[in-house]
Amino acid sequence: MTVEIDIGEMTSGARAGLDLEELLATRLLVQGNSGSGKSHLLRRLLEQSASWVQQAIIDPEGDFVSLAEKFGHVVVDAVGTEKDLQMIAGRVRQHRVSVVLNLEGLDADRQMKAAATFLDGLFDADRDLWYPMVVVVDEAQLFAPAAAGEVTEEARRRSLGAMTNLMCRGRKRGLAGIIATQRLAKLAKNVAAEASNFLMGRTFLDIDMARAADLLGMERRQAESFRNLDRGNFIALGPALSRRPVPIRIGPVETMGRGGSPKLMPLPEQPKEEAKDLIFTPAAGEATPSRPRFQEPVISTGEVLDRLSSAEQANEEEVPQANSLLDFGEREERIAEIIAGILEDEDAAFQPIATLYQDFQVRCRIAKLAGGPPDLQIFREKLSVARAGVEKGEMDEGAWSQAELIAGELPDDMRGVYLLLAKAALAKSPCPGNIEIATAYGTRSPGRARWLLSHMEERGFLVCATDLRGNRIVTLTDLGWQTAPGDEAAA
């Protein structure tokens, strides 16, 4: 049985049909400048064929998510890791669910990686799952560019490879590629060449008109006709459409996209003074940007000597020794208070450990700390935890004691960083950014923070992963805790 779907009408008034079974074997290329009606054409094709064949739409702008309400497509937002997305693609083929891969909000590099991962997951499905599926890729020039652009070479290579697999080898796996592009000249030729059906819309550049005419078998002098096409009108050719080039006007659609042509609207009427207030007066709750301070602290030698001299005079009386558990508890509290006092100065966290220890000793003598100041190694460990801003009272004691036990296997200056990550994971909070991790370590270098995470990952303390929005997720392997996704560049 031949399944023919209605995509519009010809100039003669006859209905324009598309042989769906032939399309599955021969693929389709749609071309047209912005505003020519490409998205409208794809939406018409998807709506008419939704009940006949499984569909997957690679949607860079989120225009096709509206298909979910009327036709039951599942919207797959590009979040989580690449492994998660590849597993979802495998389940899509297994359960024969129509989906829209929504890439809205991702930059070009991550859009390419996410699309490549999803297409690879569809392509690598087991042979038993090779059911017929239409795979629509809107703005295909983004995912199969003819030349290198501003994206990384890795993203371009992966995306181009996945698109080539779809168009060149997808037929045997039941995948029928439908690709739409604004510019034929920007689309990789080995991807475009695999299509046998064409719908060419309005275009103005000579190079694109010439390529469109070549693909349709038209003479070069006829290429000028592409400039005169109205919105929603296309020239069709191919075994699933027509054996000779014919003009087609695409029919109406049942759903609406979130995009579309802008409409002129009158400006709101308001007095000039009110307009100025709207622009120059901050709104309630609006964040005010502040310039971070990066000036290194400078402490003179004379100031240090003066502090020591004052401490010696204040410490003439003999300091009593801690001789009970109560005294020990009070001593630990006093030490924590002294370290917190040191770190109240926002630049103190970045001073050398020797300078901070000198300041700590002075403050201990001034406070007449029972038992005297602890040695440098104990101070380093306590300072590391204090820098991370970790407070034991906020956590479940049983779980937190496990985190402290594991942190004890790390060097003293790294324990605070591990506990900072443990605190975020236990609270299901976003992963701390590089600046926060670097501060907990006592540096301003984001690169040092990345090195710390790599070092702990190599030693098996944690596993770092990146979701498809570029946010970092840290899993603490010994505890089985995982942070929420967090922006590593966050201040």
Protein backbone atom coordinates (compact mmCIF):
# COMPACT_ATOMS: atom_id res chain seq x y z
CA MET A 1 0.00 0.00 0.00
CA THR A 2 1.31 3.43 -0.95
CA VAL A 3 0.98 6.10 1.74
CA GLU A 4 0.72 9.58 0.23
CA ILE A 5 0.45 12.66 2.41
CA ASP A 6 -0.96 16.02 1.34
CA ILE A 7 1.55 18.89 1.60
CA GLY A 8 -0.33 21.54 -0.41
CA GLU A 9 -1.45 22.31 -3.92
CA MET A 10 0.09 22.85 -7.36
CA THR A 11 -0.48 25.87 -9.59
CA SER A 12 -3.08 23.83 -11.50
CA GLY A 13 -5.14 23.48 -8.34
CA ALA A 14 -4.42 19.76 -7.97
CA ARG A 15 -3.32 18.46 -4.58
CA ALA A 16 0.43 18.02 -4.12
CA GLY A 17 1.20 14.63 -2.63
CA LEU A 18 4.36 13.19 -1.10
CA ASP A 19 4.94 9.43 -1.23
CA LEU A 20 5.97 8.65 2.34
CA GLU A 21 7.39 5.20 1.63
CA GLU A 22 9.51 6.59 -1.22
CA LEU A 23 10.69 9.39 1.06
CA LEU A 24 11.96 6.86 3.61
CA ALA A 25 14.23 5.43 0.93
CA THR A 26 15.38 8.61 -0.80
CA ARG A 27 15.57 11.46 1.79
CA LEU A 28 14.66 15.15 1.37
CA LEU A 29 16.50 18.50 1.21
CA VAL A 30 14.65 21.79 1.85
CA GLN A 31 16.30 25.12 1.04
CA GLY A 32 15.14 28.72 1.42
CA ASN A 33 16.20 32.02 2.91
CA SER A 34 14.88 33.15 6.27
CA GLY A 35 11.18 33.97 5.89
CA SER A 36 10.68 31.71 2.88
CA GLY A 37 8.46 29.27 4.81
CA LYS A 38 10.85 26.37 5.53
CA SER A 39 9.62 25.84 9.08
CA HIS A 40 6.01 26.01 7.89
CA LEU A 41 6.78 23.34 5.27
CA LEU A 42 8.46 21.06 7.83
CA ARG A 43 5.56 21.51 10.24
CA ARG A 44 3.03 20.61 7.51
CA LEU A 45 5.02 17.50 6.58
CA LEU A 46 5.37 16.42 10.23
CA GLU A 47 1.69 16.95 11.02
CA GLN A 48 0.49 15.05 7.97
CA SER A 49 2.80 12.09 8.59
CA ALA A 50 2.61 11.94 12.41
CA SER A 51 0.12 9.07 12.44
CA TRP A 52 2.08 7.02 9.89
CA VAL A 53 5.73 7.08 10.95
CA GLN A 54 7.87 7.72 14.02
CA GLN A 55 9.53 11.16 14.03
CA ALA A 56 12.57 12.80 15.60
CA ILE A 57 13.17 16.55 15.18
CA ILE A 58 16.51 18.24 15.87
CA ASP A 59 15.24 21.69 16.86
CA PRO A 60 17.89 24.38 17.51
CA GLU A 61 15.38 27.15 18.30
CA GLY A 62 12.60 25.30 20.14
CA ASP A 63 10.07 26.04 17.37
CA PHE A 64 8.65 22.51 17.13
CA VAL A 65 7.95 21.78 20.81
CA SER A 66 4.32 22.76 20.15
CA LEU A 67 3.88 19.43 18.32
CA ALA A 68 3.84 17.75 21.73
CA GLU A 69 0.41 19.10 22.72
CA LYS A 70 -1.54 17.92 19.67
CA PHE A 71 0.48 15.02 18.28
CA GLY A 72 2.06 13.52 21.41
CA HIS A 73 5.72 14.19 20.70
CA VAL A 74 7.96 13.99 23.76
CA VAL A 75 10.18 17.04 24.24
CA VAL A 76 13.76 16.07 25.12
CA ASP A 77 15.59 19.05 26.60
CA ALA A 78 19.36 18.86 26.12
CA VAL A 79 20.26 18.60 29.81
CA GLY A 80 22.30 16.00 31.65
CA THR A 81 25.43 14.38 30.32
CA GLU A 82 26.10 13.13 26.79
CA LYS A 83 25.82 9.56 28.07
CA ASP A 84 22.29 10.32 29.35
CA LEU A 85 21.28 11.75 25.97
CA GLN A 86 22.66 8.77 24.06
CA MET A 87 20.73 6.37 26.32
CA ILE A 88 17.53 8.39 25.77
CA ALA A 89 18.05 8.10 22.00
CA GLY A 90 18.33 4.33 22.35
CA ARG A 91 15.06 4.20 24.30
CA VAL A 92 13.39 6.37 21.64
CA ARG A 93 14.07 3.72 19.02
CA GLN A 94 13.18 0.87 21.38
CA HIS A 95 9.76 2.26 22.31
CA ARG A 96 9.05 4.00 18.97
CA VAL A 97 8.20 7.35 20.54
CA SER A 98 8.22 10.54 18.45
CA VAL A 99 10.44 13.20 20.01
CA VAL A 100 11.64 16.79 19.66
CA LEU A 101 15.25 17.39 20.72
CA ASN A 102 15.08 20.96 22.05
CA LEU A 103 18.49 22.66 21.79
CA GLU A 104 17.22 26.13 22.65
CA GLY A 105 19.52 28.07 24.96
CA LEU A 106 22.73 26.19 24.08
CA ASP A 107 25.62 27.86 22.29
CA ALA A 108 26.59 26.60 18.81
CA ASP A 109 29.36 24.34 20.07
CA ARG A 110 27.13 22.52 22.57
CA GLN A 111 24.24 22.33 20.10
CA MET A 112 26.51 20.47 17.68
CA LYS A 113 27.72 18.06 20.37
CA ALA A 114 24.20 17.39 21.65
CA ALA A 115 22.82 16.78 18.14
CA ALA A 116 25.74 14.49 17.30
CA THR A 117 25.26 12.49 20.50
CA PHE A 118 21.53 12.07 19.90
CA LEU A 119 21.92 11.13 16.22
CA ASP A 120 24.64 8.63 17.10
CA GLY A 121 22.30 7.09 19.68
CA LEU A 122 19.60 6.66 17.01
CA PHE A 123 22.11 5.32 14.51
CA ASP A 124 23.76 2.81 16.87
CA ALA A 125 20.52 1.11 17.94
CA ASP A 126 20.36 -2.69 17.80
CA ARG A 127 19.32 -4.24 14.49
CA ASP A 128 16.05 -5.43 16.01
CA LEU A 129 15.07 -1.79 16.57
CA TRP A 130 15.58 -0.53 13.01
CA TYR A 131 11.97 0.61 12.59
CA PRO A 132 11.20 3.37 10.04
CA MET A 133 11.79 6.86 11.42
CA VAL A 134 11.77 10.34 9.88
CA VAL A 135 14.63 12.46 11.27
CA VAL A 136 14.13 16.19 10.61
CA VAL A 137 17.11 18.53 11.11
CA ASP A 138 16.20 22.21 10.99
CA GLU A 139 18.98 24.72 10.19
CA ALA A 140 21.15 21.87 8.96
CA GLN A 141 23.99 24.21 8.00
CA LEU A 142 24.66 24.57 11.74
CA PHE A 143 25.25 20.84 12.15
CA ALA A 144 26.93 20.07 8.81
CA PRO A 145 28.87 23.22 7.93
CA ALA A 146 30.79 23.34 4.67
CA ALA A 147 33.70 25.14 6.34
CA ALA A 148 35.13 25.52 9.82
CA GLY A 149 33.65 28.40 11.80
CA GLU A 150 33.90 29.67 15.35
CA VAL A 151 33.05 26.29 16.91
CA THR A 152 35.72 23.86 18.07
CA GLU A 153 37.10 21.35 15.61
CA GLU A 154 35.97 18.46 17.83
CA ALA A 155 32.33 19.64 17.82
CA ARG A 156 32.37 20.21 14.05
CA ARG A 157 33.93 16.80 13.35
CA ARG A 158 31.45 14.92 15.56
CA SER A 159 28.40 16.75 14.23
CA LEU A 160 29.44 16.43 10.59
CA GLY A 161 30.12 12.72 11.08
CA ALA A 162 26.69 12.15 12.62
CA MET A 163 24.94 14.07 9.82
CA THR A 164 26.88 12.13 7.19
CA ASN A 165 25.86 8.84 8.81
CA LEU A 166 22.23 9.96 8.83
CA MET A 167 22.15 10.90 5.15
CA CYS A 168 24.55 8.30 3.73
CA ARG A 169 24.02 5.17 5.85
CA GLY A 170 20.78 5.85 7.70
CA ARG A 171 18.46 4.23 5.14
CA LYS A 172 19.44 0.66 6.05
CA ARG A 173 18.75 1.48 9.69
CA GLY A 174 15.30 2.87 8.90
CA LEU A 175 16.36 6.52 9.31
CA ALA A 176 15.06 8.92 6.66
CA GLY A 177 16.85 12.26 6.84
CA ILE A 178 14.96 15.50 6.10
CA ILE A 179 17.32 18.46 6.28
CA ALA A 180 16.42 22.13 5.94
CA THR A 181 18.91 24.93 5.36
CA GLN A 182 18.96 28.65 4.66
CA ARG A 183 22.11 28.47 2.55
CA LEU A 184 23.07 25.58 0.28
CA ALA A 185 26.54 27.07 -0.03
CA LYS A 186 27.05 26.72 3.72
CA LEU A 187 25.90 23.09 3.84
CA ALA A 188 28.50 20.33 3.45
CA LYS A 189 28.25 18.92 -0.08
CA ASN A 190 28.57 15.26 0.93
CA VAL A 191 25.50 15.68 3.17
CA ALA A 192 23.37 17.55 0.61
CA ALA A 193 24.36 15.18 -2.22
CA GLU A 194 22.66 12.18 -0.58
CA ALA A 195 19.16 13.66 -0.92
CA SER A 196 17.08 12.64 -3.93
CA ASN A 197 14.06 14.85 -3.21
CA PHE A 198 14.18 18.65 -3.18
CA LEU A 199 11.92 21.50 -2.18
CA MET A 200 13.60 24.79 -3.10
CA GLY A 201 12.16 28.05 -1.79
CA ARG A 202 12.93 31.73 -2.19
CA THR A 203 16.61 32.66 -2.27
CA PHE A 204 18.53 35.68 -3.50
CA LEU A 205 22.26 34.91 -3.60
CA ASP A 206 23.61 33.85 -7.00
CA ILE A 207 25.67 30.97 -5.62
CA ASP A 208 22.64 29.46 -3.83
CA MET A 209 20.38 29.95 -6.84
CA ALA A 210 22.96 28.26 -9.09
CA ARG A 211 23.28 25.25 -6.76
CA ALA A 212 19.50 24.95 -6.46
CA ALA A 213 19.12 25.04 -10.23
CA ASP A 214 21.81 22.35 -10.64
CA LEU A 215 20.12 20.07 -8.10
CA LEU A 216 16.76 20.46 -9.87
CA GLY A 217 18.25 19.97 -13.34
CA MET A 218 17.21 23.45 -14.45
CA GLU A 219 19.12 25.72 -16.80
CA ARG A 220 21.16 28.53 -15.27
CA ARG A 221 18.94 31.20 -16.84
CA GLN A 222 15.97 29.68 -15.00
CA ALA A 223 17.70 30.11 -11.64
CA GLU A 224 16.44 33.70 -11.44
CA SER A 225 12.95 32.31 -10.78
CA PHE A 226 13.91 31.49 -7.17
CA ARG A 227 14.01 35.22 -6.40
CA ASN A 228 10.36 35.60 -7.36
CA LEU A 229 8.89 32.85 -5.21
CA ASP A 230 6.35 33.97 -2.59
CA ARG A 231 6.52 32.90 1.04
CA GLY A 232 5.35 29.27 1.37
CA ASN A 233 5.98 28.50 -2.33
CA PHE A 234 8.57 25.91 -3.36
CA ILE A 235 9.84 24.15 -6.48
CA ALA A 236 9.57 20.36 -5.95
CA LEU A 237 11.47 17.54 -7.59
CA GLY A 238 12.21 13.92 -6.72
CA PRO A 239 10.83 10.39 -6.80
CA ALA A 240 8.66 11.06 -3.73
CA LEU A 241 7.31 14.34 -5.18
CA SER A 242 7.44 14.75 -8.95
CA ARG A 243 9.53 13.52 -11.88
CA ARG A 244 9.93 17.08 -13.15
CA PRO A 245 10.25 20.42 -11.30
CA VAL A 246 6.81 21.71 -10.32
CA PRO A 247 5.80 24.71 -8.18
CA ILE A 248 3.93 23.87 -4.96
CA ARG A 249 2.19 26.05 -2.41
CA ILE A 250 2.37 24.53 1.07
CA GLY A 251 -0.96 24.03 2.83
CA PRO A 252 -2.04 25.29 6.28
CA VAL A 253 -0.85 23.80 9.57
CA GLU A 254 -2.66 22.91 12.79
CA THR A 255 0.02 23.97 15.29
CA MET A 256 2.02 27.16 15.63
CA GLY A 257 5.68 27.67 16.35
CA ARG A 258 7.08 30.11 18.87
CA GLY A 259 8.93 31.98 16.16
CA GLY A 260 7.54 33.77 13.14
CA SER A 261 7.75 37.06 11.35
CA PRO A 262 7.69 40.13 13.60
CA LYS A 263 4.55 42.28 13.51
CA LEU A 264 4.56 46.07 13.78
CA MET A 265 3.15 47.29 17.11
CA PRO A 266 2.57 50.87 18.32
CA LEU A 267 4.93 52.11 21.01
CA PRO A 268 3.49 52.56 24.53
CA GLU A 269 2.46 56.11 25.31
CA GLN A 270 4.25 57.56 28.34
CA PRO A 271 5.69 60.94 29.34
CA LYS A 272 9.34 61.59 28.61
CA GLU A 273 10.28 61.80 32.31
CA GLU A 274 8.70 58.40 33.06
CA ALA A 275 10.62 56.83 30.18
CA LYS A 276 13.88 58.21 31.60
CA ASP A 277 13.06 56.75 35.02
CA LEU A 278 12.41 53.32 33.49
CA ILE A 279 15.88 53.31 31.93
CA PHE A 280 18.03 54.95 34.60
CA THR A 281 16.34 53.75 37.81
CA PRO A 282 17.13 50.17 38.96
CA ALA A 283 14.09 47.96 39.34
CA ALA A 284 13.27 46.32 42.68
CA GLY A 285 15.47 43.28 43.20
CA GLU A 286 17.69 44.07 40.23
CA ALA A 287 21.29 42.99 40.87
CA THR A 288 23.88 45.76 40.84
CA PRO A 289 27.15 44.63 39.27
CA SER A 290 30.25 45.17 41.35
CA ARG A 291 33.87 45.13 40.31
CA PRO A 292 35.83 42.40 42.11
CA ARG A 293 38.95 43.37 44.01
CA PHE A 294 42.15 41.67 42.98
CA GLN A 295 44.71 43.79 44.81
CA GLU A 296 47.20 41.67 46.71
CA PRO A 297 47.47 42.53 50.41
CA VAL A 298 50.72 44.11 51.59
CA ILE A 299 51.79 43.75 55.25
CA SER A 300 54.95 45.50 56.27
CA THR A 301 57.62 43.82 58.39
CA GLY A 302 57.31 46.61 60.95
CA GLU A 303 53.62 45.87 61.41
CA VAL A 304 54.34 42.19 62.04
CA LEU A 305 57.05 43.05 64.60
CA ASP A 306 54.72 45.48 66.36
CA ARG A 307 52.07 42.77 66.65
CA LEU A 308 54.63 40.33 68.10
CA SER A 309 55.87 42.91 70.59
CA SER A 310 52.34 43.66 71.74
CA ALA A 311 51.62 39.96 72.06
CA GLU A 312 54.71 39.37 74.22
CA GLN A 313 53.67 42.15 76.61
CA ALA A 314 50.13 40.82 76.84
CA ASN A 315 51.35 37.28 77.42
CA GLU A 316 53.63 37.89 80.40
CA GLU A 317 51.41 35.86 82.68
CA GLU A 318 51.66 32.08 82.38
CA VAL A 319 48.93 30.58 80.21
CA PRO A 320 46.96 27.84 81.96
CA GLN A 321 47.03 24.43 80.29
CA ALA A 322 43.93 22.60 79.12
CA ASN A 323 43.23 19.86 81.63
CA SER A 324 39.69 18.73 80.98
CA LEU A 325 37.34 17.77 78.16
CA LEU A 326 35.39 20.96 78.77
CA ASP A 327 38.57 23.02 78.43
CA PHE A 328 39.41 21.14 75.25
CA GLY A 329 36.00 21.91 73.75
CA GLU A 330 36.32 25.56 74.69
CA ARG A 331 39.82 25.63 73.22
CA GLU A 332 38.60 24.31 69.85
CA GLU A 333 35.84 26.91 69.80
CA ARG A 334 38.33 29.70 70.55
CA ILE A 335 40.66 28.47 67.79
CA ALA A 336 37.74 28.44 65.33
CA GLU A 337 36.79 31.98 66.40
CA ILE A 338 40.36 33.22 65.94
CA ILE A 339 40.64 31.70 62.44
CA ALA A 340 37.24 33.15 61.52
CA GLY A 341 38.47 36.54 62.68
CA ILE A 342 41.52 36.26 60.45
CA LEU A 343 39.35 35.36 57.43
CA GLU A 344 37.01 38.31 57.99
CA ASP A 345 39.51 40.24 55.91
CA GLU A 346 38.52 39.16 52.38
CA ASP A 347 42.15 39.28 51.23
CA ALA A 348 43.39 37.07 54.08
CA ALA A 349 42.32 33.90 52.28
CA PHE A 350 44.96 34.56 49.62
CA GLN A 351 47.94 35.35 51.89
CA PRO A 352 50.81 32.88 52.24
CA ILE A 353 50.30 30.26 54.94
CA ALA A 354 53.38 31.46 56.83
CA THR A 355 52.01 35.00 57.10
CA LEU A 356 48.63 33.74 58.26
CA TYR A 357 50.22 31.46 60.83
CA GLN A 358 52.20 34.37 62.25
CA ASP A 359 48.99 36.39 62.56
CA PHE A 360 47.29 33.37 64.15
CA GLN A 361 50.03 32.99 66.77
CA VAL A 362 49.77 36.67 67.69
CA ARG A 363 45.99 36.46 68.08
CA CYS A 364 46.30 33.28 70.19
CA ARG A 365 48.67 35.04 72.58
CA ILE A 366 46.43 38.10 72.78
CA ALA A 367 43.44 35.84 73.53
CA LYS A 368 45.52 33.88 76.11
CA LEU A 369 44.53 30.61 74.43
CA ALA A 370 44.83 27.69 76.84
CA GLY A 371 47.63 25.36 75.78
CA GLY A 372 49.11 27.86 73.36
CA PRO A 373 48.64 27.92 69.57
CA PRO A 374 48.54 24.58 67.72
CA ASP A 375 51.38 23.71 65.37
CA LEU A 376 51.52 24.71 61.70
CA GLN A 377 50.15 21.40 60.35
CA ILE A 378 47.00 21.54 62.52
CA PHE A 379 46.55 25.23 61.68
CA ARG A 380 46.82 24.44 57.94
CA GLU A 381 44.10 21.79 58.18
CA LYS A 382 41.73 23.99 60.20
CA LEU A 383 42.36 26.95 57.90
CA SER A 384 41.57 24.82 54.84
CA VAL A 385 38.17 23.84 56.26
CA ALA A 386 37.44 27.41 57.37
CA ARG A 387 38.29 28.78 53.91
CA ALA A 388 35.71 26.44 52.40
CA GLY A 389 33.03 27.92 54.66
CA VAL A 390 31.95 24.48 55.90
CA GLU A 391 30.07 24.36 59.18
CA LYS A 392 29.53 20.97 60.75
CA GLY A 393 26.34 22.06 62.51
CA GLU A 394 24.56 22.41 59.18
CA MET A 395 24.99 18.75 58.25
CA ASP A 396 23.77 15.33 59.34
CA GLU A 397 26.44 14.22 61.82
CA GLY A 398 26.58 10.59 60.66
CA ALA A 399 26.94 11.44 56.98
CA TRP A 400 29.30 14.33 57.66
CA SER A 401 31.63 12.18 59.78
CA GLN A 402 32.07 9.89 56.76
CA ALA A 403 32.97 12.87 54.60
CA GLU A 404 35.53 14.05 57.18
CA LEU A 405 37.01 10.55 57.37
CA ILE A 406 37.55 10.39 53.60
CA ALA A 407 38.82 13.97 53.47
CA GLY A 408 41.46 12.96 56.00
CA GLU A 409 43.14 10.85 53.31
CA LEU A 410 43.88 13.99 51.26
CA PRO A 411 46.69 16.49 51.89
CA ASP A 412 45.85 19.10 54.53
CA ASP A 413 45.34 21.95 52.08
CA MET A 414 42.93 19.91 49.91
CA ARG A 415 40.59 18.73 52.66
CA GLY A 416 38.59 21.94 52.69
CA VAL A 417 37.96 21.67 48.94
CA TYR A 418 36.70 18.10 49.31
CA LEU A 419 34.44 19.11 52.19
CA LEU A 420 33.16 22.07 50.16
CA LEU A 421 32.11 19.65 47.40
CA ALA A 422 30.68 17.24 49.97
CA LYS A 423 28.61 20.04 51.49
CA ALA A 424 27.15 20.92 48.05
CA ALA A 425 26.48 17.26 47.20
CA LEU A 426 24.82 16.50 50.54
CA ALA A 427 22.55 19.53 50.17
CA LYS A 428 21.88 18.78 46.45
CA SER A 429 23.20 22.26 45.68
CA PRO A 430 24.89 23.32 42.41
CA CYS A 431 28.54 22.37 42.08
CA PRO A 432 30.76 25.24 43.30
CA GLY A 433 32.44 27.34 40.60
CA ASN A 434 36.17 27.49 39.99
CA ILE A 435 36.50 30.79 41.88
CA GLU A 436 34.85 29.33 44.98
CA ILE A 437 36.99 26.19 44.82
CA ALA A 438 40.15 28.25 44.27
CA THR A 439 39.29 30.48 47.25
CA ALA A 440 38.83 27.41 49.44
CA TYR A 441 42.33 26.36 48.41
CA GLY A 442 43.79 29.82 49.02
CA THR A 443 44.32 31.08 45.48
CA ARG A 444 42.61 33.27 42.91
CA SER A 445 43.48 31.02 39.96
CA PRO A 446 40.54 29.21 38.28
CA GLY A 447 43.12 27.03 36.55
CA ARG A 448 44.33 25.85 39.93
CA ALA A 449 40.77 24.84 40.79
CA ARG A 450 40.52 22.75 37.62
CA TRP A 451 43.87 21.14 38.47
CA LEU A 452 42.63 20.29 41.98
CA LEU A 453 39.54 18.53 40.62
CA SER A 454 41.64 16.63 38.06
CA HIS A 455 44.11 15.61 40.77
CA MET A 456 41.36 14.30 43.07
CA GLU A 457 39.70 12.56 40.11
CA GLU A 458 42.94 10.79 39.21
CA ARG A 459 43.23 9.55 42.79
CA GLY A 460 39.66 8.20 42.67
CA PHE A 461 38.06 10.59 45.17
CA LEU A 462 35.55 12.03 42.68
CA VAL A 463 34.30 11.99 39.09
CA CYS A 464 33.64 15.17 37.12
CA ALA A 465 31.09 15.28 34.28
CA THR A 466 29.63 18.08 32.16
CA ASP A 467 25.99 18.25 31.15
CA LEU A 468 24.91 19.45 27.72
CA ARG A 469 24.47 22.99 28.94
CA GLY A 470 28.11 23.08 29.97
CA ASN A 471 27.44 22.86 33.70
CA ARG A 472 29.70 20.74 35.89
CA ILE A 473 28.49 17.80 38.00
CA VAL A 474 30.78 16.24 40.63
CA THR A 475 30.17 12.76 42.06
CA LEU A 476 32.00 11.78 45.26
CA THR A 477 32.77 8.12 44.56
CA ASP A 478 33.30 6.86 48.13
CA LEU A 479 30.14 8.52 49.44
CA GLY A 480 27.90 8.09 46.39
CA TRP A 481 26.88 11.76 46.62
CA GLN A 482 26.40 13.99 43.59
CA THR A 483 26.12 17.76 43.25
CA ALA A 484 23.49 19.47 41.13
CA PRO A 485 24.76 20.97 37.85
CA GLY A 486 26.69 24.20 38.43
CA ASP A 487 28.38 26.78 36.24
CA GLU A 488 32.13 26.43 36.68
CA ALA A 489 32.59 30.09 35.72
CA ALA A 490 30.22 31.34 38.41
CA ALA A 491 31.71 33.92 40.75
